[in-house]
Amino acid sequence: MNRKTNDISAFPCKDENYVEGLKVNTYEQGMTLRDYFAAKAMQAMISNSDLKNGPAVDGVSVTIEIAAYLVADAMIKERNK
């Protein structure tokens, strides 16, 4: 797989196809791992009743969706150590 580390699939699915009469396995890419991590982070942020206008990152208030991807990027960075 020649994809960026943060662009790998969260849930790749095996799909059997036939090319010139030979069975080959391909993989449906689906959602990226980064998107999956961001969705989980956003879910946690939204469920926090103290969070009204989005979290602060380095003292600057950001929207929840931006914060979710910042968390996802940090998770991928830590995962790749």
N, C-alpha and C. Protein backbone atom coordinates (compact mmCIF):
# COMPACT_ATOMS: atom_id res chain seq x y z
N MET A 1 0.84 -1.18 0.00
CA MET A 1 0.00 0.00 0.00
C MET A 1 0.89 1.24 0.00
N ASN A 2 0.69 2.09 -0.96
CA ASN A 2 1.52 3.28 -1.08
C ASN A 2 0.71 4.52 -0.71
N ARG A 3 0.29 4.60 0.53
CA ARG A 3 -0.50 5.73 1.00
C ARG A 3 0.19 6.34 2.20
N LYS A 4 -0.07 7.62 2.45
CA LYS A 4 0.50 8.27 3.62
C LYS A 4 0.03 7.53 4.87
N THR A 5 0.83 7.55 5.90
CA THR A 5 0.51 6.84 7.13
C THR A 5 -0.81 7.29 7.72
N ASN A 6 -1.12 8.59 7.64
CA ASN A 6 -2.36 9.06 8.23
C ASN A 6 -3.54 8.89 7.28
N ASP A 7 -3.31 8.28 6.13
CA ASP A 7 -4.37 8.09 5.14
C ASP A 7 -4.70 6.62 4.95
N ILE A 8 -4.21 5.76 5.85
CA ILE A 8 -4.52 4.34 5.73
C ILE A 8 -5.97 4.09 6.12
N SER A 9 -6.51 2.99 5.70
CA SER A 9 -7.91 2.68 5.96
C SER A 9 -8.13 2.23 7.40
N ALA A 10 -9.23 2.67 7.96
CA ALA A 10 -9.61 2.22 9.30
C ALA A 10 -10.21 0.82 9.23
N PHE A 11 -10.99 0.55 8.19
CA PHE A 11 -11.69 -0.72 8.05
C PHE A 11 -11.61 -1.24 6.62
N PRO A 12 -10.43 -1.66 6.17
CA PRO A 12 -10.34 -2.17 4.80
C PRO A 12 -11.14 -3.46 4.67
N CYS A 13 -11.79 -3.62 3.53
CA CYS A 13 -12.62 -4.81 3.29
C CYS A 13 -12.06 -5.58 2.11
N LYS A 14 -11.91 -6.85 2.28
CA LYS A 14 -11.42 -7.71 1.21
C LYS A 14 -12.53 -7.88 0.17
N ASP A 15 -12.17 -7.74 -1.08
CA ASP A 15 -13.13 -7.88 -2.17
C ASP A 15 -12.48 -8.77 -3.22
N GLU A 16 -13.16 -9.84 -3.59
CA GLU A 16 -12.60 -10.74 -4.59
C GLU A 16 -13.07 -10.31 -5.97
N ASN A 17 -12.13 -10.08 -6.84
CA ASN A 17 -12.41 -9.71 -8.23
C ASN A 17 -11.69 -10.67 -9.15
N TYR A 18 -12.14 -10.68 -10.39
CA TYR A 18 -11.49 -11.53 -11.39
C TYR A 18 -10.89 -10.65 -12.47
N VAL A 19 -9.61 -10.84 -12.72
CA VAL A 19 -8.91 -10.11 -13.77
C VAL A 19 -8.36 -11.15 -14.74
N GLU A 20 -8.80 -11.09 -15.98
CA GLU A 20 -8.38 -12.04 -17.01
C GLU A 20 -8.55 -13.48 -16.53
N GLY A 21 -9.67 -13.76 -15.88
CA GLY A 21 -9.99 -15.11 -15.44
C GLY A 21 -9.32 -15.54 -14.15
N LEU A 22 -8.44 -14.71 -13.59
CA LEU A 22 -7.76 -15.04 -12.34
C LEU A 22 -8.38 -14.27 -11.19
N LYS A 23 -8.58 -14.96 -10.08
CA LYS A 23 -9.14 -14.30 -8.90
C LYS A 23 -8.04 -13.49 -8.22
N VAL A 24 -8.31 -12.22 -7.98
CA VAL A 24 -7.38 -11.35 -7.26
C VAL A 24 -8.13 -10.69 -6.11
N ASN A 25 -7.41 -10.43 -5.06
CA ASN A 25 -8.01 -9.75 -3.92
C ASN A 25 -7.69 -8.27 -3.99
N THR A 26 -8.70 -7.46 -3.86
CA THR A 26 -8.51 -6.02 -3.76
C THR A 26 -9.11 -5.59 -2.43
N TYR A 27 -8.83 -4.39 -2.03
CA TYR A 27 -9.34 -3.92 -0.75
C TYR A 27 -10.08 -2.61 -0.93
N GLU A 28 -11.30 -2.57 -0.45
CA GLU A 28 -12.08 -1.34 -0.44
C GLU A 28 -11.51 -0.47 0.67
N GLN A 29 -11.15 0.76 0.35
CA GLN A 29 -10.44 1.59 1.32
C GLN A 29 -11.35 2.11 2.44
N GLY A 30 -12.53 2.57 2.13
CA GLY A 30 -13.42 3.06 3.18
C GLY A 30 -12.87 4.29 3.88
N MET A 31 -13.29 4.49 5.10
CA MET A 31 -12.89 5.65 5.90
C MET A 31 -11.43 5.55 6.30
N THR A 32 -10.76 6.70 6.31
CA THR A 32 -9.35 6.69 6.72
C THR A 32 -9.24 6.59 8.23
N LEU A 33 -8.11 6.16 8.68
CA LEU A 33 -7.85 6.07 10.11
C LEU A 33 -7.92 7.46 10.75
N ARG A 34 -7.44 8.46 10.03
CA ARG A 34 -7.49 9.84 10.54
C ARG A 34 -8.94 10.28 10.73
N ASP A 35 -9.82 9.97 9.77
CA ASP A 35 -11.23 10.32 9.91
C ASP A 35 -11.88 9.58 11.08
N TYR A 36 -11.51 8.32 11.25
CA TYR A 36 -12.06 7.53 12.36
C TYR A 36 -11.64 8.12 13.70
N PHE A 37 -10.35 8.44 13.84
CA PHE A 37 -9.88 9.05 15.08
C PHE A 37 -10.56 10.39 15.32
N ALA A 38 -10.72 11.20 14.27
CA ALA A 38 -11.37 12.50 14.42
C ALA A 38 -12.83 12.35 14.84
N ALA A 39 -13.52 11.37 14.29
CA ALA A 39 -14.91 11.14 14.66
C ALA A 39 -15.03 10.76 16.13
N LYS A 40 -14.13 9.91 16.59
CA LYS A 40 -14.15 9.52 18.01
C LYS A 40 -13.83 10.70 18.92
N ALA A 41 -12.85 11.52 18.50
CA ALA A 41 -12.50 12.70 19.30
C ALA A 41 -13.66 13.69 19.35
N MET A 42 -14.32 13.90 18.20
CA MET A 42 -15.44 14.83 18.14
C MET A 42 -16.59 14.34 19.02
N GLN A 43 -16.85 13.04 18.99
CA GLN A 43 -17.90 12.47 19.81
C GLN A 43 -17.63 12.74 21.29
N ALA A 44 -16.39 12.58 21.71
CA ALA A 44 -16.03 12.84 23.11
C ALA A 44 -16.19 14.32 23.45
N MET A 45 -15.79 15.20 22.53
CA MET A 45 -15.89 16.64 22.79
C MET A 45 -17.35 17.08 22.88
N ILE A 46 -18.18 16.57 21.99
CA ILE A 46 -19.59 16.95 21.99
C ILE A 46 -20.30 16.45 23.24
N SER A 47 -19.89 15.29 23.72
CA SER A 47 -20.55 14.73 24.91
C SER A 47 -20.14 15.44 26.19
N ASN A 48 -19.10 16.30 26.12
CA ASN A 48 -18.66 17.06 27.29
C ASN A 48 -19.55 18.29 27.43
N SER A 49 -20.42 18.29 28.42
CA SER A 49 -21.39 19.38 28.57
C SER A 49 -20.74 20.71 28.90
N ASP A 50 -19.49 20.73 29.36
CA ASP A 50 -18.80 21.98 29.68
C ASP A 50 -18.26 22.68 28.43
N LEU A 51 -18.27 22.01 27.33
CA LEU A 51 -17.71 22.54 26.09
C LEU A 51 -18.81 23.27 25.32
N LYS A 52 -18.78 24.60 25.32
CA LYS A 52 -19.83 25.38 24.68
C LYS A 52 -19.46 25.82 23.26
N ASN A 53 -18.31 26.47 23.09
CA ASN A 53 -17.93 27.05 21.81
C ASN A 53 -16.73 26.39 21.17
N GLY A 54 -16.36 25.26 21.62
CA GLY A 54 -15.17 24.58 21.10
C GLY A 54 -14.01 24.76 22.07
N PRO A 55 -13.05 23.87 21.99
CA PRO A 55 -11.91 23.92 22.90
C PRO A 55 -10.90 24.99 22.50
N ALA A 56 -9.99 25.27 23.39
CA ALA A 56 -8.90 26.20 23.10
C ALA A 56 -7.64 25.40 22.79
N VAL A 57 -6.97 25.76 21.72
CA VAL A 57 -5.71 25.13 21.34
C VAL A 57 -4.67 26.24 21.33
N ASP A 58 -3.67 26.10 22.19
CA ASP A 58 -2.65 27.13 22.36
C ASP A 58 -3.27 28.49 22.66
N GLY A 59 -4.33 28.47 23.47
CA GLY A 59 -4.98 29.71 23.90
C GLY A 59 -5.95 30.30 22.89
N VAL A 60 -6.14 29.65 21.75
CA VAL A 60 -7.05 30.16 20.72
C VAL A 60 -8.23 29.21 20.62
N SER A 61 -9.44 29.74 20.70
CA SER A 61 -10.63 28.90 20.59
C SER A 61 -10.80 28.43 19.14
N VAL A 62 -11.02 27.15 18.96
CA VAL A 62 -11.22 26.58 17.63
C VAL A 62 -12.54 25.83 17.61
N THR A 63 -13.04 25.56 16.42
CA THR A 63 -14.27 24.80 16.31
C THR A 63 -14.01 23.34 16.68
N ILE A 64 -15.06 22.65 17.02
CA ILE A 64 -14.93 21.25 17.43
C ILE A 64 -14.35 20.39 16.31
N GLU A 65 -14.76 20.65 15.06
CA GLU A 65 -14.25 19.81 13.97
C GLU A 65 -12.76 20.03 13.73
N ILE A 66 -12.27 21.25 13.88
CA ILE A 66 -10.83 21.49 13.76
C ILE A 66 -10.09 20.82 14.90
N ALA A 67 -10.61 20.96 16.10
CA ALA A 67 -9.98 20.33 17.27
C ALA A 67 -9.95 18.81 17.12
N ALA A 68 -11.01 18.24 16.55
CA ALA A 68 -11.08 16.79 16.38
C ALA A 68 -9.96 16.29 15.47
N TYR A 69 -9.69 17.02 14.39
CA TYR A 69 -8.61 16.61 13.49
C TYR A 69 -7.24 16.87 14.09
N LEU A 70 -7.11 17.89 14.93
CA LEU A 70 -5.84 18.10 15.63
C LEU A 70 -5.56 16.93 16.58
N VAL A 71 -6.60 16.46 17.26
CA VAL A 71 -6.46 15.30 18.15
C VAL A 71 -6.12 14.06 17.31
N ALA A 72 -6.82 13.88 16.20
CA ALA A 72 -6.55 12.72 15.33
C ALA A 72 -5.11 12.72 14.84
N ASP A 73 -4.63 13.88 14.42
CA ASP A 73 -3.24 13.98 13.95
C ASP A 73 -2.25 13.64 15.07
N ALA A 74 -2.55 14.10 16.28
CA ALA A 74 -1.69 13.79 17.43
C ALA A 74 -1.71 12.29 17.74
N MET A 75 -2.88 11.66 17.61
CA MET A 75 -2.98 10.23 17.86
C MET A 75 -2.17 9.44 16.83
N ILE A 76 -2.25 9.85 15.57
CA ILE A 76 -1.49 9.16 14.53
C ILE A 76 0.01 9.35 14.74
N LYS A 77 0.41 10.56 15.11
CA LYS A 77 1.83 10.82 15.37
C LYS A 77 2.34 9.91 16.49
N GLU A 78 1.56 9.81 17.56
CA GLU A 78 1.96 8.96 18.69
C GLU A 78 1.96 7.49 18.29
N ARG A 79 1.00 7.09 17.49
CA ARG A 79 0.89 5.71 17.02
C ARG A 79 2.10 5.31 16.18
N ASN A 80 2.67 6.25 15.44
CA ASN A 80 3.78 5.97 14.54
C ASN A 80 5.15 6.00 15.20
N LYS A 81 5.20 6.24 16.49
CA LYS A 81 6.50 6.28 17.18
C LYS A 81 7.08 4.88 17.30
